[in-house]
Amino acid sequence: MYDTSRETVTPLLRHWMVGAVECGEPLIDLTAVPALRLRPTRRADLPVRLRLGVVDRIVAAQSLLPVHLRLLVVDGYRPARAQAGHPESAMPGNLGHHTGGEADLTLCDPLGQELWLGSAVYDIDPPGTPPELTVGVQCRRLLLRRALSTVGMVGSPRTWWHWCYGNRQWAGVAGARTAPYHDVGTAEP
């Protein structure tokens, strides 16, 4: 007979076992946050918005980077109508960006020029052995990971650009009993 007492759940899959209790924290339009850069290719009808706690953490992470690097926000909260057909929606275990606690981030220079991090945002690294990356790309990914992890955000090993705080994925990795962010749903402005 199979002994289930020895089963383990990897932290990235633990989010399926964590509930969420909505805390009511507001979504912030990032055009009102001068400390952050936004990718210029964003759709004008979908402003980049994130929960206040996530914005605070990203701004704090920005201050941990060397002066020649900046965080570049690619995407944040996406209502259900914008989630369908998005490249991330096809990822296994993806919870979407419906809580406002998920951000897609990369690095840029002080003028806003996006830097290469070994693959395009939304390209998923293959499982197992990491892809062959130049020393420069490895360093940039490490700086991104260290800055965001230091402020309490959680990333994914295969999606270097996807970071979260306060959602079920974050709670599963952080060991929290519940996630403070749930589906923004009808509360969106």
N, C-alpha and C. Protein backbone atom coordinates (compact mmCIF):
# COMPACT_ATOMS: atom_id res chain seq x y z
N MET A 1 0.84 -1.19 0.00
CA MET A 1 0.00 0.00 0.00
C MET A 1 0.89 1.25 0.00
N TYR A 2 0.43 2.28 -0.69
CA TYR A 2 1.18 3.52 -0.80
C TYR A 2 1.07 4.32 0.49
N ASP A 3 2.19 4.78 1.01
CA ASP A 3 2.24 5.54 2.27
C ASP A 3 2.09 7.04 1.96
N THR A 4 0.90 7.60 2.20
CA THR A 4 0.67 9.01 1.90
C THR A 4 1.27 9.94 2.95
N SER A 5 1.73 9.41 4.07
CA SER A 5 2.30 10.28 5.11
C SER A 5 3.62 10.90 4.65
N ARG A 6 4.22 10.33 3.60
CA ARG A 6 5.49 10.85 3.11
C ARG A 6 5.33 11.78 1.91
N GLU A 7 4.08 12.03 1.54
CA GLU A 7 3.85 12.91 0.40
C GLU A 7 4.31 14.32 0.73
N THR A 8 4.88 14.94 -0.25
CA THR A 8 5.23 16.35 -0.11
C THR A 8 4.62 17.10 -1.27
N VAL A 9 4.34 18.34 -1.05
CA VAL A 9 3.80 19.20 -2.08
C VAL A 9 4.82 20.29 -2.33
N THR A 10 5.21 20.46 -3.57
CA THR A 10 6.17 21.52 -3.86
C THR A 10 5.54 22.86 -3.56
N PRO A 11 6.31 23.82 -3.08
CA PRO A 11 5.74 25.12 -2.70
C PRO A 11 4.96 25.79 -3.81
N LEU A 12 5.39 25.65 -5.07
CA LEU A 12 4.68 26.32 -6.16
C LEU A 12 3.31 25.70 -6.42
N LEU A 13 3.08 24.47 -5.98
CA LEU A 13 1.78 23.85 -6.17
C LEU A 13 0.91 23.94 -4.92
N ARG A 14 1.49 24.35 -3.81
CA ARG A 14 0.76 24.43 -2.55
C ARG A 14 -0.38 25.45 -2.61
N HIS A 15 -0.32 26.39 -3.56
CA HIS A 15 -1.35 27.42 -3.63
C HIS A 15 -2.73 26.84 -3.86
N TRP A 16 -2.83 25.66 -4.41
CA TRP A 16 -4.14 25.04 -4.62
C TRP A 16 -4.78 24.66 -3.28
N MET A 17 -3.99 24.59 -2.23
CA MET A 17 -4.50 24.20 -0.92
C MET A 17 -4.72 25.39 0.00
N VAL A 18 -4.46 26.60 -0.47
CA VAL A 18 -4.56 27.81 0.34
C VAL A 18 -5.80 28.59 -0.06
N GLY A 19 -6.55 29.04 0.93
CA GLY A 19 -7.71 29.88 0.67
C GLY A 19 -7.31 31.34 0.60
N ALA A 20 -8.25 32.16 0.20
CA ALA A 20 -8.01 33.60 0.14
C ALA A 20 -9.16 34.33 0.83
N VAL A 21 -8.80 35.32 1.63
CA VAL A 21 -9.78 36.17 2.30
C VAL A 21 -9.47 37.60 1.87
N GLU A 22 -10.33 38.16 1.05
CA GLU A 22 -10.08 39.48 0.46
C GLU A 22 -9.95 40.55 1.54
N CYS A 23 -8.86 41.32 1.46
CA CYS A 23 -8.57 42.35 2.46
C CYS A 23 -9.08 43.74 2.05
N GLY A 24 -9.46 43.90 0.79
CA GLY A 24 -9.99 45.19 0.34
C GLY A 24 -8.95 46.23 -0.03
N GLU A 25 -7.68 45.83 -0.10
CA GLU A 25 -6.62 46.78 -0.47
C GLU A 25 -6.86 47.28 -1.90
N PRO A 26 -6.70 48.57 -2.15
CA PRO A 26 -7.04 49.12 -3.47
C PRO A 26 -6.01 48.78 -4.55
N LEU A 27 -6.50 48.85 -5.79
CA LEU A 27 -5.63 48.79 -6.96
C LEU A 27 -5.12 50.20 -7.22
N ILE A 28 -3.84 50.32 -7.55
CA ILE A 28 -3.21 51.61 -7.82
C ILE A 28 -2.82 51.67 -9.30
N ASP A 29 -3.18 52.75 -9.97
CA ASP A 29 -2.79 52.97 -11.36
C ASP A 29 -1.31 53.38 -11.36
N LEU A 30 -0.48 52.59 -12.03
CA LEU A 30 0.97 52.84 -11.97
C LEU A 30 1.42 54.08 -12.73
N THR A 31 0.56 54.67 -13.54
CA THR A 31 0.95 55.94 -14.16
C THR A 31 1.09 57.03 -13.11
N ALA A 32 0.53 56.81 -11.92
CA ALA A 32 0.64 57.76 -10.81
C ALA A 32 1.83 57.47 -9.90
N VAL A 33 2.69 56.53 -10.31
CA VAL A 33 3.84 56.14 -9.48
C VAL A 33 5.12 56.46 -10.28
N PRO A 34 5.66 57.68 -10.11
CA PRO A 34 6.81 58.09 -10.92
C PRO A 34 8.07 57.26 -10.71
N ALA A 35 8.17 56.55 -9.61
CA ALA A 35 9.36 55.74 -9.34
C ALA A 35 9.46 54.53 -10.26
N LEU A 36 8.34 54.16 -10.91
CA LEU A 36 8.33 52.96 -11.73
C LEU A 36 8.21 53.28 -13.21
N ARG A 37 8.87 52.46 -14.01
CA ARG A 37 8.76 52.58 -15.47
C ARG A 37 7.77 51.54 -15.97
N LEU A 38 6.99 51.93 -16.98
CA LEU A 38 6.03 51.02 -17.60
C LEU A 38 6.47 50.73 -19.02
N ARG A 39 6.31 49.49 -19.44
CA ARG A 39 6.64 49.11 -20.81
C ARG A 39 5.73 49.90 -21.75
N PRO A 40 6.30 50.58 -22.73
CA PRO A 40 5.50 51.46 -23.59
C PRO A 40 4.56 50.72 -24.54
N THR A 41 4.67 49.41 -24.67
CA THR A 41 3.82 48.68 -25.61
C THR A 41 2.49 48.26 -25.00
N ARG A 42 2.17 48.72 -23.81
CA ARG A 42 0.91 48.38 -23.15
C ARG A 42 -0.28 48.91 -23.92
N ARG A 43 -1.41 48.20 -23.84
CA ARG A 43 -2.65 48.68 -24.45
C ARG A 43 -3.15 49.88 -23.66
N ALA A 44 -3.49 50.94 -24.34
CA ALA A 44 -3.94 52.17 -23.68
C ALA A 44 -5.25 51.97 -22.92
N ASP A 45 -6.10 51.04 -23.37
CA ASP A 45 -7.39 50.83 -22.70
C ASP A 45 -7.28 49.96 -21.45
N LEU A 46 -6.09 49.43 -21.18
CA LEU A 46 -5.87 48.62 -19.97
C LEU A 46 -4.72 49.21 -19.16
N PRO A 47 -5.02 50.19 -18.29
CA PRO A 47 -3.94 50.77 -17.50
C PRO A 47 -3.32 49.71 -16.59
N VAL A 48 -2.04 49.85 -16.31
CA VAL A 48 -1.36 48.91 -15.41
C VAL A 48 -1.74 49.28 -13.99
N ARG A 49 -2.35 48.32 -13.29
CA ARG A 49 -2.75 48.53 -11.91
C ARG A 49 -2.30 47.33 -11.08
N LEU A 50 -1.90 47.62 -9.85
CA LEU A 50 -1.50 46.59 -8.89
C LEU A 50 -2.01 46.99 -7.51
N ARG A 51 -2.08 46.02 -6.62
CA ARG A 51 -2.46 46.31 -5.24
C ARG A 51 -1.41 47.22 -4.60
N LEU A 52 -1.85 48.05 -3.69
CA LEU A 52 -0.96 49.00 -3.00
C LEU A 52 0.24 48.30 -2.39
N GLY A 53 0.03 47.16 -1.72
CA GLY A 53 1.13 46.43 -1.09
C GLY A 53 2.15 45.93 -2.09
N VAL A 54 1.70 45.57 -3.28
CA VAL A 54 2.61 45.12 -4.34
C VAL A 54 3.40 46.31 -4.87
N VAL A 55 2.73 47.43 -5.09
CA VAL A 55 3.41 48.64 -5.57
C VAL A 55 4.50 49.05 -4.58
N ASP A 56 4.16 49.07 -3.30
CA ASP A 56 5.15 49.43 -2.27
C ASP A 56 6.37 48.50 -2.34
N ARG A 57 6.14 47.22 -2.53
CA ARG A 57 7.25 46.26 -2.59
C ARG A 57 8.09 46.44 -3.86
N ILE A 58 7.45 46.72 -4.96
CA ILE A 58 8.21 46.92 -6.21
C ILE A 58 9.05 48.19 -6.11
N VAL A 59 8.50 49.24 -5.54
CA VAL A 59 9.27 50.48 -5.36
C VAL A 59 10.45 50.22 -4.42
N ALA A 60 10.22 49.46 -3.35
CA ALA A 60 11.32 49.12 -2.43
C ALA A 60 12.38 48.28 -3.15
N ALA A 61 11.95 47.32 -3.97
CA ALA A 61 12.90 46.49 -4.72
C ALA A 61 13.71 47.34 -5.68
N GLN A 62 13.07 48.34 -6.28
CA GLN A 62 13.76 49.25 -7.19
C GLN A 62 14.94 49.90 -6.47
N SER A 63 14.76 50.26 -5.22
CA SER A 63 15.84 50.94 -4.48
C SER A 63 17.00 50.00 -4.16
N LEU A 64 16.81 48.69 -4.29
CA LEU A 64 17.87 47.72 -4.01
C LEU A 64 18.73 47.42 -5.24
N LEU A 65 18.31 47.89 -6.40
CA LEU A 65 19.07 47.64 -7.62
C LEU A 65 20.21 48.64 -7.78
N PRO A 66 21.26 48.26 -8.51
CA PRO A 66 22.31 49.24 -8.82
C PRO A 66 21.71 50.43 -9.58
N VAL A 67 22.33 51.58 -9.49
CA VAL A 67 21.76 52.80 -10.09
C VAL A 67 21.60 52.71 -11.60
N HIS A 68 22.33 51.84 -12.26
CA HIS A 68 22.22 51.74 -13.72
C HIS A 68 21.10 50.79 -14.16
N LEU A 69 20.33 50.25 -13.22
CA LEU A 69 19.22 49.36 -13.54
C LEU A 69 17.93 49.88 -12.94
N ARG A 70 16.84 49.66 -13.66
CA ARG A 70 15.50 50.02 -13.18
C ARG A 70 14.57 48.85 -13.42
N LEU A 71 13.53 48.75 -12.62
CA LEU A 71 12.49 47.77 -12.89
C LEU A 71 11.58 48.31 -13.98
N LEU A 72 11.16 47.44 -14.86
CA LEU A 72 10.23 47.79 -15.93
C LEU A 72 8.99 46.92 -15.76
N VAL A 73 7.86 47.56 -15.51
CA VAL A 73 6.61 46.83 -15.30
C VAL A 73 5.98 46.55 -16.66
N VAL A 74 5.76 45.28 -16.94
CA VAL A 74 5.17 44.86 -18.21
C VAL A 74 3.66 44.73 -18.07
N ASP A 75 3.22 44.15 -16.95
CA ASP A 75 1.79 43.93 -16.78
C ASP A 75 1.47 43.77 -15.30
N GLY A 76 0.21 43.97 -14.98
CA GLY A 76 -0.27 43.82 -13.62
C GLY A 76 -1.65 43.19 -13.64
N TYR A 77 -2.57 43.80 -12.90
CA TYR A 77 -3.93 43.28 -12.82
C TYR A 77 -4.55 43.20 -14.21
N ARG A 78 -5.21 42.06 -14.45
CA ARG A 78 -5.97 41.88 -15.69
C ARG A 78 -7.37 41.38 -15.33
N PRO A 79 -8.41 42.11 -15.71
CA PRO A 79 -9.76 41.59 -15.49
C PRO A 79 -9.98 40.35 -16.35
N ALA A 80 -10.97 39.57 -15.99
CA ALA A 80 -11.24 38.31 -16.70
C ALA A 80 -11.38 38.52 -18.21
N ARG A 81 -11.99 39.63 -18.62
CA ARG A 81 -12.20 39.86 -20.06
C ARG A 81 -10.88 40.03 -20.82
N ALA A 82 -9.83 40.45 -20.12
CA ALA A 82 -8.52 40.63 -20.76
C ALA A 82 -7.64 39.39 -20.61
N GLN A 83 -8.02 38.47 -19.72
CA GLN A 83 -7.20 37.29 -19.46
C GLN A 83 -7.30 36.28 -20.60
N ALA A 84 -8.47 36.13 -21.18
CA ALA A 84 -8.67 35.14 -22.25
C ALA A 84 -7.74 35.44 -23.42
N GLY A 85 -7.02 34.45 -23.85
CA GLY A 85 -6.13 34.60 -25.00
C GLY A 85 -4.77 35.21 -24.66
N HIS A 86 -4.54 35.61 -23.40
CA HIS A 86 -3.24 36.16 -23.02
C HIS A 86 -2.22 35.03 -22.96
N PRO A 87 -0.97 35.28 -23.36
CA PRO A 87 0.04 34.20 -23.35
C PRO A 87 0.18 33.48 -22.02
N GLU A 88 0.03 34.19 -20.91
CA GLU A 88 0.16 33.57 -19.60
C GLU A 88 -0.98 32.63 -19.27
N SER A 89 -2.14 32.83 -19.88
CA SER A 89 -3.30 32.02 -19.53
C SER A 89 -3.12 30.56 -19.92
N ALA A 90 -2.17 30.27 -20.80
CA ALA A 90 -1.91 28.90 -21.23
C ALA A 90 -0.92 28.17 -20.33
N MET A 91 -0.34 28.85 -19.36
CA MET A 91 0.66 28.22 -18.50
C MET A 91 0.03 27.27 -17.50
N PRO A 92 0.64 26.11 -17.28
CA PRO A 92 0.10 25.17 -16.29
C PRO A 92 0.11 25.78 -14.90
N GLY A 93 -0.99 25.66 -14.18
CA GLY A 93 -1.06 26.16 -12.81
C GLY A 93 -1.20 27.66 -12.71
N ASN A 94 -1.36 28.35 -13.83
CA ASN A 94 -1.44 29.80 -13.79
C ASN A 94 -2.75 30.24 -13.15
N LEU A 95 -2.64 31.16 -12.23
CA LEU A 95 -3.82 31.70 -11.57
C LEU A 95 -4.27 33.01 -12.19
N GLY A 96 -3.59 33.45 -13.23
CA GLY A 96 -3.97 34.70 -13.85
C GLY A 96 -3.53 35.91 -13.05
N HIS A 97 -3.94 37.04 -13.48
CA HIS A 97 -3.58 38.29 -12.82
C HIS A 97 -4.83 38.94 -12.23
N HIS A 98 -5.78 38.14 -11.83
CA HIS A 98 -7.07 38.64 -11.40
C HIS A 98 -7.10 39.18 -9.97
N THR A 99 -6.05 39.01 -9.20
CA THR A 99 -6.07 39.50 -7.81
C THR A 99 -5.39 40.86 -7.64
N GLY A 100 -4.63 41.28 -8.63
CA GLY A 100 -3.86 42.51 -8.49
C GLY A 100 -2.57 42.32 -7.72
N GLY A 101 -2.27 41.06 -7.37
CA GLY A 101 -1.04 40.75 -6.64
C GLY A 101 0.04 40.18 -7.54
N GLU A 102 -0.20 40.11 -8.83
CA GLU A 102 0.74 39.53 -9.78
C GLU A 102 1.28 40.61 -10.71
N ALA A 103 2.59 40.59 -10.89
CA ALA A 103 3.23 41.57 -11.77
C ALA A 103 4.23 40.87 -12.67
N ASP A 104 4.26 41.27 -13.93
CA ASP A 104 5.28 40.80 -14.86
C ASP A 104 6.30 41.91 -14.96
N LEU A 105 7.54 41.59 -14.61
CA LEU A 105 8.60 42.59 -14.47
C LEU A 105 9.86 42.17 -15.21
N THR A 106 10.58 43.14 -15.69
CA THR A 106 11.89 42.91 -16.25
C THR A 106 12.77 44.09 -15.85
N LEU A 107 13.93 44.20 -16.45
CA LEU A 107 14.85 45.30 -16.14
C LEU A 107 15.03 46.19 -17.36
N CYS A 108 15.35 47.44 -17.09
CA CYS A 108 15.68 48.38 -18.14
C CYS A 108 16.82 49.28 -17.66
N ASP A 109 17.36 50.05 -18.59
CA ASP A 109 18.38 51.02 -18.20
C ASP A 109 17.69 52.31 -17.73
N PRO A 110 18.44 53.30 -17.25
CA PRO A 110 17.81 54.53 -16.74
C PRO A 110 16.96 55.28 -17.78
N LEU A 111 17.21 55.03 -19.08
CA LEU A 111 16.43 55.69 -20.12
C LEU A 111 15.19 54.89 -20.51
N GLY A 112 15.00 53.73 -19.89
CA GLY A 112 13.82 52.92 -20.18
C GLY A 112 14.02 51.86 -21.25
N GLN A 113 15.24 51.70 -21.74
CA GLN A 113 15.53 50.67 -22.74
C GLN A 113 15.53 49.30 -22.08
N GLU A 114 14.63 48.42 -22.52
CA GLU A 114 14.52 47.09 -21.94
C GLU A 114 15.80 46.30 -22.16
N LEU A 115 16.23 45.60 -21.12
CA LEU A 115 17.45 44.79 -21.18
C LEU A 115 17.10 43.33 -21.46
N TRP A 116 18.00 42.62 -22.10
CA TRP A 116 17.79 41.22 -22.43
C TRP A 116 18.07 40.36 -21.20
N LEU A 117 17.12 39.50 -20.87
CA LEU A 117 17.28 38.59 -19.73
C LEU A 117 17.24 37.13 -20.18
N GLY A 118 17.63 36.85 -21.40
CA GLY A 118 17.78 35.48 -21.88
C GLY A 118 16.61 34.94 -22.66
N SER A 119 15.46 35.56 -22.50
CA SER A 119 14.27 35.19 -23.27
C SER A 119 13.29 36.36 -23.19
N ALA A 120 12.32 36.32 -24.06
CA ALA A 120 11.30 37.36 -24.03
C ALA A 120 10.38 37.12 -22.83
N VAL A 121 9.81 38.20 -22.32
CA VAL A 121 8.79 38.06 -21.30
C VAL A 121 7.67 37.22 -21.92
N TYR A 122 7.15 36.29 -21.17
CA TYR A 122 6.13 35.31 -21.53
C TYR A 122 6.69 34.06 -22.20
N ASP A 123 8.01 34.01 -22.47
CA ASP A 123 8.62 32.75 -22.88
C ASP A 123 8.93 31.98 -21.60
N ILE A 124 8.61 30.71 -21.59
CA ILE A 124 8.79 29.89 -20.40
C ILE A 124 10.08 29.09 -20.54
N ASP A 125 10.93 29.14 -19.50
CA ASP A 125 12.16 28.35 -19.52
C ASP A 125 11.79 26.87 -19.49
N PRO A 126 12.57 26.03 -20.18
CA PRO A 126 12.27 24.59 -20.18
C PRO A 126 12.46 24.00 -18.79
N PRO A 127 11.73 22.91 -18.49
CA PRO A 127 11.90 22.28 -17.18
C PRO A 127 13.27 21.65 -17.05
N GLY A 128 13.68 21.42 -15.81
CA GLY A 128 14.97 20.77 -15.58
C GLY A 128 16.11 21.76 -15.62
N THR A 129 17.11 21.43 -16.40
CA THR A 129 18.32 22.25 -16.48
C THR A 129 17.99 23.63 -17.04
N PRO A 130 18.42 24.69 -16.36
CA PRO A 130 18.17 26.04 -16.88
C PRO A 130 18.81 26.22 -18.25
N PRO A 131 18.25 27.10 -19.05
CA PRO A 131 18.83 27.33 -20.37
C PRO A 131 20.24 27.92 -20.26
N GLU A 132 21.02 27.73 -21.31
CA GLU A 132 22.35 28.33 -21.34
C GLU A 132 22.21 29.85 -21.41
N LEU A 133 22.72 30.54 -20.42
CA LEU A 133 22.60 31.99 -20.35
C LEU A 133 23.99 32.60 -20.25
N THR A 134 24.16 33.75 -20.87
CA THR A 134 25.44 34.44 -20.75
C THR A 134 25.62 34.90 -19.31
N VAL A 135 26.84 35.23 -18.95
CA VAL A 135 27.12 35.70 -17.60
C VAL A 135 26.34 36.98 -17.31
N GLY A 136 26.24 37.87 -18.29
CA GLY A 136 25.49 39.11 -18.10
C GLY A 136 24.02 38.87 -17.82
N VAL A 137 23.42 37.94 -18.57
CA VAL A 137 22.01 37.60 -18.36
C VAL A 137 21.82 36.95 -17.00
N GLN A 138 22.71 36.04 -16.63
CA GLN A 138 22.62 35.41 -15.31
C GLN A 138 22.68 36.45 -14.20
N CYS A 139 23.58 37.41 -14.34
CA CYS A 139 23.71 38.47 -13.32
C CYS A 139 22.45 39.32 -13.24
N ARG A 140 21.89 39.69 -14.40
CA ARG A 140 20.67 40.50 -14.40
C ARG A 140 19.50 39.74 -13.77
N ARG A 141 19.36 38.45 -14.11
CA ARG A 141 18.28 37.66 -13.50
C ARG A 141 18.48 37.54 -12.00
N LEU A 142 19.72 37.37 -11.57
CA LEU A 142 20.01 37.26 -10.14
C LEU A 142 19.68 38.56 -9.43
N LEU A 143 20.05 39.70 -10.00
CA LEU A 143 19.73 40.99 -9.38
C LEU A 143 18.23 41.20 -9.27
N LEU A 144 17.51 40.84 -10.32
CA LEU A 144 16.05 40.95 -10.31
C LEU A 144 15.47 40.06 -9.21
N ARG A 145 15.90 38.81 -9.17
CA ARG A 145 15.39 37.85 -8.19
C ARG A 145 15.72 38.28 -6.76
N ARG A 146 16.95 38.72 -6.53
CA ARG A 146 17.33 39.13 -5.17
C ARG A 146 16.54 40.35 -4.69
N ALA A 147 16.40 41.34 -5.56
CA ALA A 147 15.68 42.55 -5.16
C ALA A 147 14.22 42.24 -4.83
N LEU A 148 13.56 41.46 -5.68
CA LEU A 148 12.15 41.18 -5.46
C LEU A 148 11.93 40.19 -4.32
N SER A 149 12.80 39.22 -4.18
CA SER A 149 12.68 38.27 -3.06
C SER A 149 12.93 38.95 -1.72
N THR A 150 13.85 39.89 -1.70
CA THR A 150 14.17 40.60 -0.47
C THR A 150 12.98 41.36 0.08
N VAL A 151 12.11 41.85 -0.80
CA VAL A 151 10.94 42.61 -0.35
C VAL A 151 9.72 41.71 -0.15
N GLY A 152 9.91 40.39 -0.22
CA GLY A 152 8.85 39.45 0.10
C GLY A 152 8.03 38.95 -1.07
N MET A 153 8.44 39.27 -2.29
CA MET A 153 7.70 38.78 -3.45
C MET A 153 8.19 37.37 -3.80
N VAL A 154 7.36 36.62 -4.51
CA VAL A 154 7.64 35.24 -4.87
C VAL A 154 7.66 35.12 -6.38
N GLY A 155 8.68 34.45 -6.89
CA GLY A 155 8.79 34.21 -8.32
C GLY A 155 8.59 32.74 -8.64
N SER A 156 8.79 32.42 -9.89
CA SER A 156 8.65 31.05 -10.36
C SER A 156 9.92 30.67 -11.10
N PRO A 157 10.43 29.46 -10.92
CA PRO A 157 11.70 29.09 -11.55
C PRO A 157 11.69 29.13 -13.08
N ARG A 158 10.54 28.88 -13.69
CA ARG A 158 10.49 28.81 -15.16
C ARG A 158 10.00 30.11 -15.80
N THR A 159 9.50 31.02 -15.00
CA THR A 159 9.02 32.31 -15.52
C THR A 159 9.70 33.42 -14.73
N TRP A 160 10.91 33.76 -15.12
CA TRP A 160 11.74 34.72 -14.39
C TRP A 160 11.06 36.07 -14.26
N TRP A 161 10.12 36.39 -15.10
CA TRP A 161 9.47 37.70 -15.18
C TRP A 161 8.18 37.79 -14.35
N HIS A 162 7.66 36.67 -13.87
CA HIS A 162 6.38 36.66 -13.14
C HIS A 162 6.62 36.66 -11.64
N TRP A 163 6.11 37.69 -10.94
CA TRP A 163 6.30 37.86 -9.51
C TRP A 163 4.97 38.16 -8.84
N CYS A 164 4.83 37.72 -7.60
CA CYS A 164 3.57 37.96 -6.93
C CYS A 164 3.77 38.19 -5.43
N TYR A 165 2.73 38.76 -4.86
CA TYR A 165 2.65 38.96 -3.41
C TYR A 165 1.16 38.98 -3.06
N GLY A 166 0.80 38.31 -1.98
CA GLY A 166 -0.55 38.39 -1.46
C GLY A 166 -1.57 37.47 -2.10
N ASN A 167 -1.23 36.81 -3.20
CA ASN A 167 -2.19 35.89 -3.84
C ASN A 167 -1.96 34.47 -3.32
N ARG A 168 -2.69 33.51 -3.85
CA ARG A 168 -2.58 32.13 -3.37
C ARG A 168 -1.21 31.53 -3.69
N GLN A 169 -0.62 31.87 -4.81
CA GLN A 169 0.72 31.35 -5.12
C GLN A 169 1.72 31.83 -4.07
N TRP A 170 1.66 33.12 -3.76
CA TRP A 170 2.55 33.68 -2.74
C TRP A 170 2.33 32.98 -1.40
N ALA A 171 1.05 32.81 -1.01
CA ALA A 171 0.74 32.18 0.28
C ALA A 171 1.28 30.75 0.35
N GLY A 172 1.15 30.01 -0.76
CA GLY A 172 1.65 28.64 -0.78
C GLY A 172 3.15 28.56 -0.59
N VAL A 173 3.88 29.45 -1.22
CA VAL A 173 5.34 29.46 -1.10
C VAL A 173 5.78 30.03 0.24
N ALA A 174 5.10 31.10 0.69
CA ALA A 174 5.48 31.76 1.94
C ALA A 174 5.02 30.99 3.18
N GLY A 175 4.15 30.01 2.98
CA GLY A 175 3.66 29.23 4.12
C GLY A 175 2.54 29.93 4.88
N ALA A 176 1.90 30.90 4.25
CA ALA A 176 0.79 31.60 4.91
C ALA A 176 -0.46 30.73 4.90
N ARG A 177 -1.31 30.90 5.90
CA ARG A 177 -2.54 30.10 5.98
C ARG A 177 -3.57 30.54 4.96
N THR A 178 -3.63 31.85 4.71
CA THR A 178 -4.56 32.39 3.70
C THR A 178 -3.85 33.49 2.93
N ALA A 179 -4.40 33.77 1.77
CA ALA A 179 -3.90 34.86 0.94
C ALA A 179 -4.80 36.08 1.16
N PRO A 180 -4.22 37.28 1.35
CA PRO A 180 -5.05 38.45 1.57
C PRO A 180 -5.70 39.01 0.31
N TYR A 181 -5.23 38.59 -0.87
CA TYR A 181 -5.81 39.09 -2.11
C TYR A 181 -6.60 37.97 -2.79
N HIS A 182 -7.81 38.29 -3.16
CA HIS A 182 -8.67 37.36 -3.89
C HIS A 182 -9.03 38.04 -5.21
N ASP A 183 -9.85 37.42 -5.98
CA ASP A 183 -10.27 37.98 -7.26
C ASP A 183 -10.86 39.37 -7.05
N VAL A 184 -10.32 40.36 -7.75
CA VAL A 184 -10.83 41.72 -7.63
C VAL A 184 -12.26 41.74 -8.12
N GLY A 185 -12.56 41.01 -9.17
CA GLY A 185 -13.92 40.82 -9.68
C GLY A 185 -14.69 42.09 -9.87
N THR A 186 -15.87 42.15 -9.30
CA THR A 186 -16.77 43.29 -9.52
C THR A 186 -16.36 44.52 -8.74
N ALA A 187 -15.36 44.40 -7.87
CA ALA A 187 -14.92 45.57 -7.10
C ALA A 187 -14.00 46.47 -7.90
N GLU A 188 -13.65 46.05 -9.13
CA GLU A 188 -12.73 46.88 -9.90
C GLU A 188 -13.38 48.19 -10.30
N PRO A 189 -12.58 49.28 -10.34
CA PRO A 189 -13.13 50.58 -10.67
C PRO A 189 -13.49 50.68 -12.14
